[in-house]
């Protein structure tokens, strides 16, 4: 906010600074501002740049600070990044902030111009997402879905409801209900307490009693392990 006030009202938090405000990245480094129509202001410790196109739709107030919109931020910050990293940002923004793919595609189209650097990593990330894609409920779930999709495996059901023997409902992270295969993703953010650990095991036991085959994966396991194991479990049904 201090940088914005010092630079002037026509300067907005942008790039990684805006991404930090939106909660997309954990570290932002040097403060970055963008302005339209005026020469960038020189401030110690602040990087400023000028853009010829910053319409109202690409502006927002985030945590009380004028910044670029969520879609514009993703377009700007994705340049030069790995598509897999950008894909994680997009999934998180869809899940947590209500971003739509239409918002992103419209922003890319607005900014398309001769000589302008294209957000190739963002375009590649969007190409990985089919029109029916729904983001998972965690970063680990997003990663697992992307790995299954890249491997050409059938699209699974997400948060599939199952009634447990005690009458309570359980929701399987990723499921292939037609073959009774449950994939449980043990991310620390949701399973890192003793109570959650015990509940997860009781839940897995109930699913086994009901005839489900339960596969469990954690963040430290590789995508190859996930794909290899799920492929082997589905193989008898894919012939």
Protein backbone atom coordinates (compact mmCIF):
# COMPACT_ATOMS: atom_id res chain seq x y z
CA UNK A 1 0.00 0.00 0.00
CA UNK A 2 2.88 2.36 0.79
CA UNK A 3 4.32 1.78 -2.69
CA UNK A 4 0.94 2.42 -4.31
CA UNK A 5 0.42 5.65 -2.37
CA UNK A 6 3.94 6.85 -3.10
CA UNK A 7 3.72 6.04 -6.81
CA UNK A 8 0.26 7.46 -7.35
CA UNK A 9 -3.32 6.27 -7.79
CA UNK A 10 -2.66 5.11 -11.36
CA UNK A 11 -0.18 2.46 -10.15
CA UNK A 12 -1.43 -1.03 -9.29
CA UNK A 13 0.19 -4.02 -7.61
CA UNK A 14 1.06 -6.45 -10.39
CA UNK A 15 2.86 -9.65 -11.34
CA UNK A 16 4.17 -11.58 -8.30
CA UNK A 17 3.13 -8.83 -5.90
CA UNK A 18 -0.46 -9.14 -7.08
CA UNK A 19 -0.17 -12.93 -7.03
CA UNK A 20 0.95 -12.73 -3.40
CA UNK A 21 -2.06 -10.55 -2.54
CA UNK A 22 -4.37 -13.06 -4.22
CA UNK A 23 -2.66 -15.86 -2.27
CA UNK A 24 -1.43 -17.61 -5.41
CA UNK A 25 2.26 -17.53 -4.50
CA UNK A 26 3.86 -17.68 -1.07
CA UNK A 27 6.81 -15.38 -1.82
CA UNK A 28 6.80 -12.31 -4.02
CA UNK A 29 10.21 -10.66 -3.62
CA UNK A 30 10.61 -7.07 -4.82
CA UNK A 31 7.38 -5.04 -4.97
CA UNK A 32 6.04 -4.77 -8.51
CA UNK A 33 3.66 -2.08 -9.79
CA UNK A 34 2.10 -1.43 -13.20
CA UNK A 35 0.69 1.84 -14.51
CA UNK A 36 -1.26 2.82 -17.60
CA UNK A 37 -0.82 6.02 -19.54
CA UNK A 38 1.89 7.60 -17.38
CA UNK A 39 5.61 7.15 -17.00
CA UNK A 40 6.43 4.66 -14.23
CA UNK A 41 7.47 6.28 -10.98
CA UNK A 42 10.94 5.46 -9.66
CA UNK A 43 10.87 4.24 -6.07
CA UNK A 44 13.59 2.53 -4.02
CA UNK A 45 12.94 -1.19 -3.71
CA UNK A 46 10.04 -1.10 -6.18
CA UNK A 47 9.90 -2.27 -9.79
CA UNK A 48 7.45 -0.28 -11.90
CA UNK A 49 6.45 -0.78 -15.51
CA UNK A 50 4.07 0.81 -17.95
CA UNK A 51 1.36 -0.96 -19.92
CA UNK A 52 -0.74 0.36 -22.75
CA UNK A 53 -3.74 -1.70 -21.77
CA UNK A 54 -5.16 -1.88 -18.24
CA UNK A 55 -8.96 -1.58 -18.59
CA UNK A 56 -11.29 -1.53 -15.60
CA UNK A 57 -12.01 -5.25 -15.96
CA UNK A 58 -8.31 -5.94 -15.30
CA UNK A 59 -8.27 -3.93 -12.06
CA UNK A 60 -9.31 -5.00 -8.58
CA UNK A 61 -9.00 -4.17 -4.90
CA UNK A 62 -7.30 -7.03 -3.05
CA UNK A 63 -6.92 -6.83 0.73
CA UNK A 64 -7.63 -3.12 0.39
CA UNK A 65 -4.82 -2.58 -2.13
CA UNK A 66 -5.37 -1.64 -5.81
CA UNK A 67 -4.04 -4.52 -7.92
CA UNK A 68 -4.49 -6.30 -11.20
CA UNK A 69 -7.48 -8.64 -11.45
CA UNK A 70 -7.04 -12.34 -10.76
CA UNK A 71 -7.14 -13.29 -14.45
CA UNK A 72 -4.78 -10.47 -15.46
CA UNK A 73 -2.41 -11.40 -12.65
CA UNK A 74 -2.23 -14.99 -13.87
CA UNK A 75 -1.61 -13.85 -17.44
CA UNK A 76 1.20 -11.52 -16.37
CA UNK A 77 2.89 -13.75 -13.81
CA UNK A 78 2.79 -16.90 -15.98
CA UNK A 79 5.29 -15.62 -18.54
CA UNK A 80 8.46 -17.69 -18.38
CA UNK A 81 7.03 -20.17 -15.87
CA UNK A 82 6.69 -23.95 -16.10
CA UNK A 83 3.22 -24.94 -17.41
CA UNK A 84 2.79 -27.44 -14.56
CA UNK A 85 3.37 -24.68 -12.00
CA UNK A 86 0.98 -22.36 -13.79
CA UNK A 87 -1.59 -25.14 -13.98
CA UNK A 88 -1.43 -25.45 -10.20
CA UNK A 89 -2.07 -21.71 -9.87
CA UNK A 90 -5.08 -21.94 -12.17
CA UNK A 91 -6.52 -24.92 -10.30
CA UNK A 92 -6.06 -23.15 -6.96
CA UNK A 93 -7.68 -19.96 -8.25
CA UNK A 94 -10.66 -21.94 -9.60
CA UNK A 95 -11.10 -23.84 -6.37
CA UNK A 96 -10.48 -21.07 -3.85
CA UNK A 97 -11.28 -17.81 -5.63
CA UNK A 98 -13.98 -18.74 -8.14
CA UNK A 99 -11.88 -18.09 -11.23
CA UNK A 100 -13.45 -19.31 -14.47
CA UNK A 101 -11.60 -20.39 -17.59
CA UNK A 102 -13.73 -17.91 -19.53
CA UNK A 103 -12.22 -15.08 -17.44
CA UNK A 104 -8.70 -16.20 -18.28
CA UNK A 105 -9.34 -16.77 -21.98
CA UNK A 106 -11.02 -13.38 -22.36
CA UNK A 107 -8.08 -11.70 -20.67
CA UNK A 108 -5.61 -13.45 -22.97
CA UNK A 109 -7.68 -12.39 -25.99
CA UNK A 110 -7.82 -8.77 -24.79
CA UNK A 111 -4.06 -8.60 -24.48
CA UNK A 112 -3.21 -10.32 -27.75
CA UNK A 113 -1.30 -7.88 -29.95
CA UNK A 114 1.61 -7.95 -32.40
CA UNK A 115 4.91 -7.85 -30.58
CA UNK A 116 3.41 -8.73 -27.20
CA UNK A 117 4.89 -11.75 -25.49
CA UNK A 118 2.38 -14.58 -25.38
CA UNK A 119 1.62 -16.37 -22.08
CA UNK A 120 2.63 -19.73 -23.55
CA UNK A 121 2.84 -21.48 -20.16
CA UNK A 122 -0.69 -20.37 -19.30
CA UNK A 123 -1.97 -21.46 -22.71
CA UNK A 124 -0.33 -24.86 -22.22
CA UNK A 125 -1.91 -25.17 -18.77
CA UNK A 126 -5.34 -24.32 -20.18
CA UNK A 127 -4.87 -26.92 -22.91
CA UNK A 128 -4.47 -29.57 -20.19
CA UNK A 129 -7.91 -28.73 -18.79
CA UNK A 130 -10.85 -30.15 -20.68
CA UNK A 131 -14.16 -28.21 -20.78
CA UNK A 132 -15.72 -30.38 -18.08
CA UNK A 133 -12.80 -30.04 -15.69
CA UNK A 134 -13.60 -29.31 -12.06
CA UNK A 135 -10.73 -28.48 -9.69
CA UNK A 136 -10.19 -30.78 -6.75
CA UNK A 137 -10.42 -29.79 -3.12
CA UNK A 138 -6.66 -29.68 -2.55
CA UNK A 139 -3.41 -29.16 -4.42
CA UNK A 140 -2.66 -32.88 -4.07
CA UNK A 141 -6.01 -33.73 -5.62
CA UNK A 142 -5.34 -31.36 -8.52
CA UNK A 143 -1.95 -32.96 -9.09
CA UNK A 144 -3.41 -36.47 -9.06
CA UNK A 145 -6.17 -35.55 -11.51
CA UNK A 146 -3.67 -34.00 -13.90
CA UNK A 147 -1.44 -37.09 -13.74
CA UNK A 148 -4.39 -39.40 -14.48
CA UNK A 149 -5.52 -37.16 -17.34
CA UNK A 150 -2.05 -37.01 -18.89
CA UNK A 151 -1.78 -40.81 -18.69
CA UNK A 152 -4.98 -41.16 -20.71
CA UNK A 153 -6.87 -42.95 -17.95
CA UNK A 154 -10.66 -42.62 -17.72
CA UNK A 155 -12.01 -39.54 -15.94
CA UNK A 156 -12.84 -40.44 -12.32
CA UNK A 157 -15.58 -39.16 -10.04
CA UNK A 158 -14.62 -36.59 -7.41
CA UNK A 159 -15.82 -36.61 -3.81
CA UNK A 160 -17.95 -39.66 -4.55
CA UNK A 161 -20.56 -40.19 -1.79
CA UNK A 162 -20.81 -43.57 -0.06
CA UNK A 163 -22.99 -44.45 2.93
CA UNK A 164 -20.94 -46.17 5.64
CA UNK A 165 -22.21 -49.10 7.75
CA UNK A 166 -22.90 -46.69 10.63
CA UNK A 167 -25.19 -44.65 8.38
CA UNK A 168 -22.83 -41.71 7.98
CA UNK A 169 -21.69 -40.49 4.58
CA UNK A 170 -18.12 -40.79 3.36
CA UNK A 171 -16.79 -38.88 0.38
CA UNK A 172 -14.06 -40.60 -1.60
CA UNK A 173 -11.46 -38.15 -2.94
CA UNK A 174 -11.18 -39.81 -6.36
CA UNK A 175 -13.27 -42.82 -7.32
CA UNK A 176 -14.07 -45.21 -10.11
CA UNK A 177 -17.46 -46.34 -8.75
CA UNK A 178 -18.16 -48.72 -11.62
CA UNK A 179 -15.21 -50.91 -10.57
CA UNK A 180 -15.22 -50.17 -6.84
CA UNK A 181 -11.84 -48.39 -6.82
CA UNK A 182 -11.26 -45.63 -4.23
CA UNK A 183 -8.22 -43.34 -4.34
CA UNK A 184 -7.59 -41.53 -1.09
CA UNK A 185 -5.14 -38.60 -1.05
CA UNK A 186 -3.53 -37.94 2.30
CA UNK A 187 -2.47 -34.30 2.18
CA UNK A 188 -1.01 -32.93 5.42
CA UNK A 189 -3.28 -29.88 5.37
CA UNK A 190 -6.36 -32.07 5.96
CA UNK A 191 -4.90 -35.22 7.53
CA UNK A 192 -2.04 -34.00 9.71
CA UNK A 193 -3.58 -34.56 13.14
CA UNK A 194 -3.97 -37.69 15.25
CA UNK A 195 -7.77 -37.44 15.14
CA UNK A 196 -7.75 -37.15 11.34
CA UNK A 197 -5.32 -40.08 11.10
CA UNK A 198 -7.64 -42.33 13.13
CA UNK A 199 -10.76 -41.18 11.28
CA UNK A 200 -9.12 -41.87 7.91
CA UNK A 201 -8.25 -45.45 8.92
CA UNK A 202 -11.76 -46.15 10.24
CA UNK A 203 -13.21 -44.73 7.04
CA UNK A 204 -10.90 -46.85 4.87
CA UNK A 205 -11.91 -49.96 6.85
CA UNK A 206 -15.59 -49.19 6.23
CA UNK A 207 -14.96 -48.80 2.50
CA UNK A 208 -13.14 -52.15 2.43
CA UNK A 209 -16.05 -53.84 4.23
CA UNK A 210 -18.37 -52.37 1.57
CA UNK A 211 -16.29 -53.97 -1.17
CA UNK A 212 -14.14 -51.02 -2.26
CA UNK A 213 -10.46 -51.42 -3.08
CA UNK A 214 -8.71 -48.48 -1.43
CA UNK A 215 -5.46 -46.98 -2.75
CA UNK A 216 -3.70 -44.31 -0.68
CA UNK A 217 -1.25 -41.68 -1.89
CA UNK A 218 0.68 -38.86 -0.23
CA UNK A 219 2.44 -35.79 -1.63
CA UNK A 220 5.89 -37.42 -1.49
CA UNK A 221 4.82 -40.28 -3.78
CA UNK A 222 5.55 -39.65 -7.44
CA UNK A 223 3.03 -39.16 -10.22
CA UNK A 224 4.52 -42.25 -11.88
CA UNK A 225 3.71 -44.33 -8.79
CA UNK A 226 0.14 -43.05 -8.84
CA UNK A 227 -0.38 -43.72 -12.55
CA UNK A 228 1.31 -47.14 -12.45
CA UNK A 229 -0.76 -48.32 -9.48
CA UNK A 230 -4.09 -46.98 -10.73
CA UNK A 231 -3.42 -48.35 -14.22
CA UNK A 232 -2.74 -51.80 -12.77
CA UNK A 233 -5.92 -51.65 -10.69
CA UNK A 234 -8.01 -50.64 -13.71
CA UNK A 235 -6.32 -52.94 -16.24
CA UNK A 236 -8.74 -55.90 -15.88
CA UNK A 237 -11.65 -53.57 -16.65
CA UNK A 238 -10.08 -51.67 -19.55
CA UNK A 239 -9.45 -54.68 -21.81
